[in-house]
C-alpha atoms as a PDB file:
ATOM      1  CA  MET A   1     144.567  44.705 127.131  1.00  0.00           C
ATOM      2  CA  THR A   2     146.418  47.748 128.439  1.00  0.00           C
ATOM      3  CA  THR A   3     149.670  45.767 128.637  1.00  0.00           C
ATOM      4  CA  THR A   4     149.285  44.666 125.003  1.00  0.00           C
ATOM      5  CA  VAL A   5     148.777  48.270 123.861  1.00  0.00           C
ATOM      6  CA  VAL A   6     151.844  49.406 125.792  1.00  0.00           C
ATOM      7  CA  ILE A   7     153.952  46.659 124.206  1.00  0.00           C
ATOM      8  CA  ILE A   8     152.720  47.544 120.714  1.00  0.00           C
ATOM      9  CA  VAL A   9     153.428  51.247 121.264  1.00  0.00           C
ATOM     10  CA  ALA A  10     156.898  50.431 122.606  1.00  0.00           C
ATOM     11  CA  VAL A  11     157.700  48.247 119.593  1.00  0.00           C
ATOM     12  CA  VAL A  12     156.499  50.958 117.199  1.00  0.00           C
ATOM     13  CA  LEU A  13     158.653  53.541 118.971  1.00  0.00           C
ATOM     14  CA  VAL A  14     161.728  51.296 118.871  1.00  0.00           C
ATOM     15  CA  LEU A  15     161.234  50.655 115.157  1.00  0.00           C
ATOM     16  CA  ALA A  16     160.788  54.371 114.513  1.00  0.00           C
ATOM     17  CA  VAL A  17     163.991  55.198 116.383  1.00  0.00           C
ATOM     18  CA  LEU A  18     165.914  52.476 114.520  1.00  0.00           C
ATOM     19  CA  GLY A  19     164.582  53.739 111.206  1.00  0.00           C
ATOM     20  CA  PHE A  20     165.606  57.293 112.079  1.00  0.00           C
ATOM     21  CA  PHE A  21     169.171  56.289 112.913  1.00  0.00           C
ATOM     22  CA  LEU A  22     169.388  54.063 109.835  1.00  0.00           C
ATOM     23  CA  VAL A  23     168.426  56.937 107.520  1.00  0.00           C
ATOM     24  CA  ARG A  24     170.681  59.318 109.420  1.00  0.00           C
ATOM     25  CA  GLY A  25     173.575  56.887 109.129  1.00  0.00           C
ATOM     26  CA  ARG A  26     173.139  56.615 105.376  1.00  0.00           C
ATOM     27  CA  THR A  27     172.997  60.378 104.989  1.00  0.00           C
ATOM     28  CA  GLY A  28     175.996  60.830 107.243  1.00  0.00           C
ATOM     29  CA  GLY A  29     177.935  58.294 105.213  1.00  0.00           C
ATOM     30  CA  GLY A  30     177.305  60.236 102.021  1.00  0.00           C
ATOM     31  CA  GLN A  31     178.214  63.521 103.670  1.00  0.00           C
ATOM     32  CA  GLY A  32     181.316  61.940 105.147  1.00  0.00           C
ATOM     33  CA  LEU A  33     182.448  60.721 101.735  1.00  0.00           C
ATOM     34  CA  ARG A  34     181.733  64.125 100.205  1.00  0.00           C
ATOM     35  CA  ARG A  35     183.827  65.832 102.891  1.00  0.00           C
ATOM     36  CA  ARG A  36     186.642  63.310 102.584  1.00  0.00           C
ATOM     37  CA  PHE A  37     186.910  63.253  98.792  1.00  0.00           C
ATOM     38  CA  GLY A  38     185.877  66.816  97.905  1.00  0.00           C
ATOM     39  CA  PRO A  39     186.139  67.353  94.118  1.00  0.00           C
ATOM     40  CA  GLU A  40     186.894  63.640  93.701  1.00  0.00           C
ATOM     41  CA  TYR A  41     183.374  62.909  94.991  1.00  0.00           C
ATOM     42  CA  GLU A  42     181.796  65.049  92.261  1.00  0.00           C
ATOM     43  CA  ARG A  43     184.097  63.574  89.605  1.00  0.00           C
ATOM     44  CA  THR A  44     183.123  60.028  90.599  1.00  0.00           C
ATOM     45  CA  VAL A  45     179.408  60.880  90.581  1.00  0.00           C
ATOM     46  CA  ALA A  46     179.835  62.323  87.078  1.00  0.00           C
ATOM     47  CA  GLU A  47     181.670  59.174  85.963  1.00  0.00           C
ATOM     48  CA  HIS A  48     178.669  57.148  87.126  1.00  0.00           C
ATOM     49  CA  GLY A  49     176.276  59.338  85.141  1.00  0.00           C
ATOM     50  CA  GLY A  50     174.949  61.104  88.235  1.00  0.00           C
ATOM     51  CA  ASP A  51     174.260  57.874  90.120  1.00  0.00           C
ATOM     52  CA  THR A  52     175.172  58.969  93.660  1.00  0.00           C
ATOM     53  CA  LYS A  53     174.607  55.528  95.148  1.00  0.00           C
ATOM     54  CA  ALA A  54     177.009  53.844  92.707  1.00  0.00           C
ATOM     55  CA  ALA A  55     179.598  56.586  93.187  1.00  0.00           C
ATOM     56  CA  GLU A  56     179.434  56.350  96.969  1.00  0.00           C
ATOM     57  CA  HIS A  57     179.755  52.580  96.766  1.00  0.00           C
ATOM     58  CA  GLU A  58     182.941  52.954  94.702  1.00  0.00           C
ATOM     59  CA  LEU A  59     184.396  55.566  97.076  1.00  0.00           C
ATOM     60  CA  ALA A  60     183.518  53.462 100.119  1.00  0.00           C
ATOM     61  CA  GLU A  61     185.307  50.522  98.497  1.00  0.00           C
ATOM     62  CA  ARG A  62     188.375  52.693  97.990  1.00  0.00           C
ATOM     63  CA  VAL A  63     188.392  53.578 101.679  1.00  0.00           C
ATOM     64  CA  LYS A  64     187.961  49.912 102.560  1.00  0.00           C
ATOM     65  CA  LEU A  65     190.875  48.871 100.319  1.00  0.00           C
ATOM     66  CA  HIS A  66     193.292  51.730 100.937  1.00  0.00           C
ATOM     67  CA  GLY A  67     192.185  53.507 104.098  1.00  0.00           C
ATOM     68  CA  SER A  68     194.638  51.627 106.312  1.00  0.00           C
ATOM     69  CA  LEU A  69     197.604  52.397 104.054  1.00  0.00           C
ATOM     70  CA  HIS A  70     200.470  53.965 106.005  1.00  0.00           C
ATOM     71  CA  GLU A  71     202.650  56.311 103.992  1.00  0.00           C
ATOM     72  CA  GLN A  72     206.329  55.469 104.194  1.00  0.00           C
ATOM     73  CA  PRO A  73     208.735  58.308 105.008  1.00  0.00           C
ATOM     74  CA  LEU A  74     211.422  59.305 102.550  1.00  0.00           C
ATOM     75  CA  SER A  75     215.051  59.638 103.536  1.00  0.00           C
ATOM     76  CA  PRO A  76     216.516  63.145 103.303  1.00  0.00           C
ATOM     77  CA  GLU A  77     218.624  61.952 100.362  1.00  0.00           C
ATOM     78  CA  ALA A  78     215.551  60.656  98.515  1.00  0.00           C
ATOM     79  CA  ARG A  79     213.702  63.926  99.125  1.00  0.00           C
ATOM     80  CA  GLU A  80     216.611  65.946  97.779  1.00  0.00           C
ATOM     81  CA  GLY A  81     216.816  63.670  94.752  1.00  0.00           C
ATOM     82  CA  TYR A  82     213.126  64.060  93.937  1.00  0.00           C
ATOM     83  CA  ALA A  83     213.282  67.829  94.433  1.00  0.00           C
ATOM     84  CA  GLY A  84     216.221  68.007  92.037  1.00  0.00           C
ATOM     85  CA  ARG A  85     214.466  65.911  89.397  1.00  0.00           C
ATOM     86  CA  TRP A  86     211.365  68.100  89.598  1.00  0.00           C
ATOM     87  CA  ALA A  87     213.532  71.192  89.101  1.00  0.00           C
ATOM     88  CA  MET A  88     214.919  69.533  85.965  1.00  0.00           C
ATOM     89  CA  VAL A  89     211.355  68.920  84.774  1.00  0.00           C
ATOM     90  CA  GLN A  90     210.645  72.641  85.139  1.00  0.00           C
ATOM     91  CA  GLU A  91     213.745  73.541  83.127  1.00  0.00           C
ATOM     92  CA  THR A  92     212.997  70.957  80.431  1.00  0.00           C
ATOM     93  CA  PHE A  93     209.507  72.404  79.950  1.00  0.00           C
ATOM     94  CA  ILE A  94     210.922  75.600  78.447  1.00  0.00           C
ATOM     95  CA  ASP A  95     212.228  73.815  75.345  1.00  0.00           C
ATOM     96  CA  SER A  96     210.392  70.455  75.424  1.00  0.00           C
ATOM     97  CA  PRO A  97     206.983  70.748  77.130  1.00  0.00           C
ATOM     98  CA  ARG A  98     205.763  67.272  76.162  1.00  0.00           C
ATOM     99  CA  GLU A  99     208.959  65.601  77.364  1.00  0.00           C
ATOM    100  CA  ALA A 100     208.729  67.507  80.647  1.00  0.00           C
ATOM    101  CA  VAL A 101     205.109  66.489  81.222  1.00  0.00           C
ATOM    102  CA  ALA A 102     205.939  62.835  80.508  1.00  0.00           C
ATOM    103  CA  GLU A 103     208.782  62.971  83.032  1.00  0.00           C
ATOM    104  CA  ALA A 104     206.533  64.649  85.612  1.00  0.00           C
ATOM    105  CA  ASP A 105     203.967  61.877  85.157  1.00  0.00           C
ATOM    106  CA  ALA A 106     206.617  59.171  85.668  1.00  0.00           C
ATOM    107  CA  LEU A 107     208.180  61.062  88.584  1.00  0.00           C
ATOM    108  CA  LEU A 108     204.872  61.333  90.441  1.00  0.00           C
ATOM    109  CA  ALA A 109     204.218  57.617  89.887  1.00  0.00           C
ATOM    110  CA  ARG A 110     207.620  56.704  91.352  1.00  0.00           C
ATOM    111  CA  LEU A 111     207.270  59.101  94.269  1.00  0.00           C
ATOM    112  CA  ALA A 112     203.822  57.728  95.145  1.00  0.00           C
ATOM    113  CA  ARG A 113     205.193  54.186  94.968  1.00  0.00           C
ATOM    114  CA  ASP A 114     208.104  55.080  97.250  1.00  0.00           C
ATOM    115  CA  ARG A 115     205.653  56.556  99.770  1.00  0.00           C
ATOM    116  CA  GLY A 116     203.841  53.216  99.905  1.00  0.00           C
ATOM    117  CA  PHE A 117     201.052  53.605  97.355  1.00  0.00           C
ATOM    118  CA  PRO A 118     200.387  50.939  94.688  1.00  0.00           C
ATOM    119  CA  ASP A 119     202.868  50.821  91.841  1.00  0.00           C
ATOM    120  CA  GLY A 120     202.391  53.336  89.040  1.00  0.00           C
ATOM    121  CA  ASP A 121     202.086  50.533  86.462  1.00  0.00           C
ATOM    122  CA  SER A 122     198.359  50.644  87.226  1.00  0.00           C
ATOM    123  CA  PHE A 123     197.434  54.323  87.073  1.00  0.00           C
ATOM    124  CA  GLU A 124     193.813  53.733  88.094  1.00  0.00           C
ATOM    125  CA  GLU A 125     194.753  51.672  91.135  1.00  0.00           C
ATOM    126  CA  GLN A 126     197.380  54.170  92.207  1.00  0.00           C
ATOM    127  CA  THR A 127     195.088  57.180  91.847  1.00  0.00           C
ATOM    128  CA  ALA A 128     192.287  55.330  93.656  1.00  0.00           C
ATOM    129  CA  ALA A 129     194.615  54.841  96.641  1.00  0.00           C
ATOM    130  CA  LEU A 130     195.914  58.414  96.418  1.00  0.00           C
ATOM    131  CA  SER A 131     192.354  59.766  96.368  1.00  0.00           C
ATOM    132  CA  VAL A 132     191.684  58.246  99.792  1.00  0.00           C
ATOM    133  CA  HIS A 133     194.576  60.179 101.348  1.00  0.00           C
ATOM    134  CA  HIS A 134     195.187  63.165  99.058  1.00  0.00           C
ATOM    135  CA  ALA A 135     191.973  63.755  97.132  1.00  0.00           C
ATOM    136  CA  GLY A 136     192.403  67.528  97.128  1.00  0.00           C
ATOM    137  CA  GLU A 137     195.773  67.375  95.365  1.00  0.00           C
ATOM    138  CA  LEU A 138     195.032  64.628  92.855  1.00  0.00           C
ATOM    139  CA  ASP A 139     193.552  66.530  89.924  1.00  0.00           C
ATOM    140  CA  GLY A 140     196.874  67.890  88.667  1.00  0.00           C
ATOM    141  CA  TYR A 141     198.357  64.389  88.484  1.00  0.00           C
ATOM    142  CA  ARG A 142     195.393  63.255  86.425  1.00  0.00           C
ATOM    143  CA  ARG A 143     195.797  66.251  84.109  1.00  0.00           C
ATOM    144  CA  VAL A 144     199.497  65.512  83.605  1.00  0.00           C
ATOM    145  CA  HIS A 145     198.773  61.855  82.876  1.00  0.00           C
ATOM    146  CA  THR A 146     196.087  62.825  80.368  1.00  0.00           C
ATOM    147  CA  ALA A 147     198.394  65.356  78.703  1.00  0.00           C
ATOM    148  CA  VAL A 148     200.961  62.618  78.091  1.00  0.00           C
ATOM    149  CA  HIS A 149     198.447  60.549  76.150  1.00  0.00           C
ATOM    150  CA  ASP A 150     196.553  63.160  74.152  1.00  0.00           C
ATOM    151  CA  HIS A 151     197.285  66.219  72.009  1.00  0.00           C
ATOM    152  CA  SER A 152     197.209  68.852  74.743  1.00  0.00           C
ATOM    153  CA  SER A 153     198.340  72.354  73.871  1.00  0.00           C
ATOM    154  CA  THR A 154     201.422  73.884  75.475  1.00  0.00           C
ATOM    155  CA  GLU A 155     199.205  76.010  77.713  1.00  0.00           C
ATOM    156  CA  GLU A 156     197.215  72.967  78.832  1.00  0.00           C
ATOM    157  CA  MET A 157     200.439  71.135  79.632  1.00  0.00           C
ATOM    158  CA  ARG A 158     201.716  74.172  81.530  1.00  0.00           C
ATOM    159  CA  THR A 159     198.549  74.311  83.633  1.00  0.00           C
ATOM    160  CA  ALA A 160     198.681  70.567  84.280  1.00  0.00           C
ATOM    161  CA  LEU A 161     202.305  70.759  85.426  1.00  0.00           C
ATOM    162  CA  ILE A 162     201.629  73.671  87.779  1.00  0.00           C
ATOM    163  CA  GLU A 163     198.624  71.884  89.316  1.00  0.00           C
ATOM    164  CA  ALA A 164     200.532  68.588  89.608  1.00  0.00           C
ATOM    165  CA  ARG A 165     203.018  70.343  91.890  1.00  0.00           C
ATOM    166  CA  ALA A 166     200.436  70.208  94.695  1.00  0.00           C
ATOM    167  CA  LEU A 167     200.561  66.405  94.871  1.00  0.00           C
ATOM    168  CA  PHE A 168     204.327  66.383  94.426  1.00  0.00           C
ATOM    169  CA  ASP A 169     204.740  68.716  97.411  1.00  0.00           C
ATOM    170  CA  VAL A 170     202.436  66.784  99.714  1.00  0.00           C
ATOM    171  CA  LEU A 171     204.114  63.478  98.862  1.00  0.00           C
ATOM    172  CA  LEU A 172     207.583  64.952  99.206  1.00  0.00           C
ATOM    173  CA  GLY A 173     206.832  66.396 102.639  1.00  0.00           C
ATOM    174  CA  ASP A 174     205.326  64.900 105.792  1.00  0.00           C
ATOM    175  CA  THR A 175     208.630  63.498 107.109  1.00  0.00           C
ATOM    176  CA  PRO A 176     210.457  64.071 110.416  1.00  0.00           C
ATOM    177  CA  SER A 177     213.254  65.974 108.660  1.00  0.00           C
ATOM    178  CA  ASP A 178     210.825  68.347 106.949  1.00  0.00           C
ATOM    179  CA  SER A 179     210.576  71.224 109.413  1.00  0.00           C
ATOM    180  CA  GLY A 180     213.987  72.755 108.836  1.00  0.00           C
ATOM    181  CA  ARG A 181     213.611  73.095 105.073  1.00  0.00           C
ATOM    182  CA  ARG A 182     209.960  73.957 104.562  1.00  0.00           C
ATOM    183  CA  GLY A 183     210.418  77.704 104.172  1.00  0.00           C
ATOM    184  CA  ARG A 184     213.102  77.411 101.487  1.00  0.00           C
ATOM    185  CA  HIS A 185     211.129  74.697  99.679  1.00  0.00           C
ATOM    186  CA  GLU A 186     207.957  76.807  99.536  1.00  0.00           C
ATOM    187  CA  THR A 187     209.890  79.810  98.223  1.00  0.00           C
ATOM    188  CA  LYS A 188     211.422  77.604  95.539  1.00  0.00           C
ATOM    189  CA  ASN A 189     207.940  76.355  94.571  1.00  0.00           C
ATOM    190  CA  LEU A 190     206.745  79.923  94.087  1.00  0.00           C
ATOM    191  CA  ASN A 191     209.751  80.883  91.978  1.00  0.00           C
ATOM    192  CA  GLU A 192     209.362  77.808  89.766  1.00  0.00           C
ATOM    193  CA  THR A 193     205.662  78.506  89.248  1.00  0.00           C
ATOM    194  CA  GLU A 194     206.453  82.082  88.261  1.00  0.00           C
ATOM    195  CA  ASN A 195     209.102  80.770  85.851  1.00  0.00           C
ATOM    196  CA  LEU A 196     206.477  78.600  84.166  1.00  0.00           C
ATOM    197  CA  HIS A 197     204.179  81.585  83.748  1.00  0.00           C
ATOM    198  CA  GLY A 198     207.109  83.694  82.610  1.00  0.00           C
ATOM    199  CA  THR A 199     207.941  81.182  79.890  1.00  0.00           C
ATOM    200  CA  LYS A 200     204.573  81.912  78.293  1.00  0.00           C
ATOM    201  CA  GLY A 201     205.483  85.549  77.889  1.00  0.00           C
ATOM    202  CA  ARG A 202     208.832  84.744  76.297  1.00  0.00           C
ATOM    203  CA  THR A 203     207.340  82.204  73.890  1.00  0.00           C
ATOM    204  CA  THR A 204     204.586  84.470  72.654  1.00  0.00           C
ATOM    205  CA  ALA A 205     206.788  87.559  72.388  1.00  0.00           C
END
C-alpha cells in the first residue's frame, strides 16, 4: 500500500513539473518573440485584432522560414553605388518629393535583395524576412512604401524618408570593409537629415 502511494505521489509530482515547464516554455516563447520583434510584435498583434496567439504563430513562422537566412556582403563598389543613389534621392526630394520617395522604395527593395532577402516584387514576403533580422529598422521602409501608393502629404513623405534611412544604413553596412568609412558615413547621414528638415523651412518661407 505504501509503495502504491509513493508511486502515485511521484507521478503527480512529475506531471506537475512537466506542466510547469510547459507553461513556462510558452510564456518564454512569447516573451522571446516580443524581445526579438519589438514594435513589429505589437503591429502584428494589432493586425490580428489583438489575438496574441495568432500573432505569435505568424511571427514564429517567419522565424522558421527566414531565421536561417545569411545576409550576403556587398562589394565596396556596390556600397558606394547605393550610397550615391541615396544621396540623389535626398536631392530629388527638394523639388520632387513623390518621385524621391518612389525611388527610395525601389532602392531599399533592390538593396535588400542584394543582401540576400527575398526579391522586392513581393513586398510582404520581403518585409516578413527583414522583420526577422531588422525589425527595429523596418517601420520607415513600410512608411515609404505606403507613401508611394497613397496621397501622403509632403511632411509625411519627409518623415517616411528620414525613418527609412535606418534600414538603408543597416543594410548598407555590416561588411568587412565597413570599419574605415563608418565615421564619414554617419556624419553624412546627419547632414542629409538636417538638409531634409531644412527644406521644410525653405518651402514654407
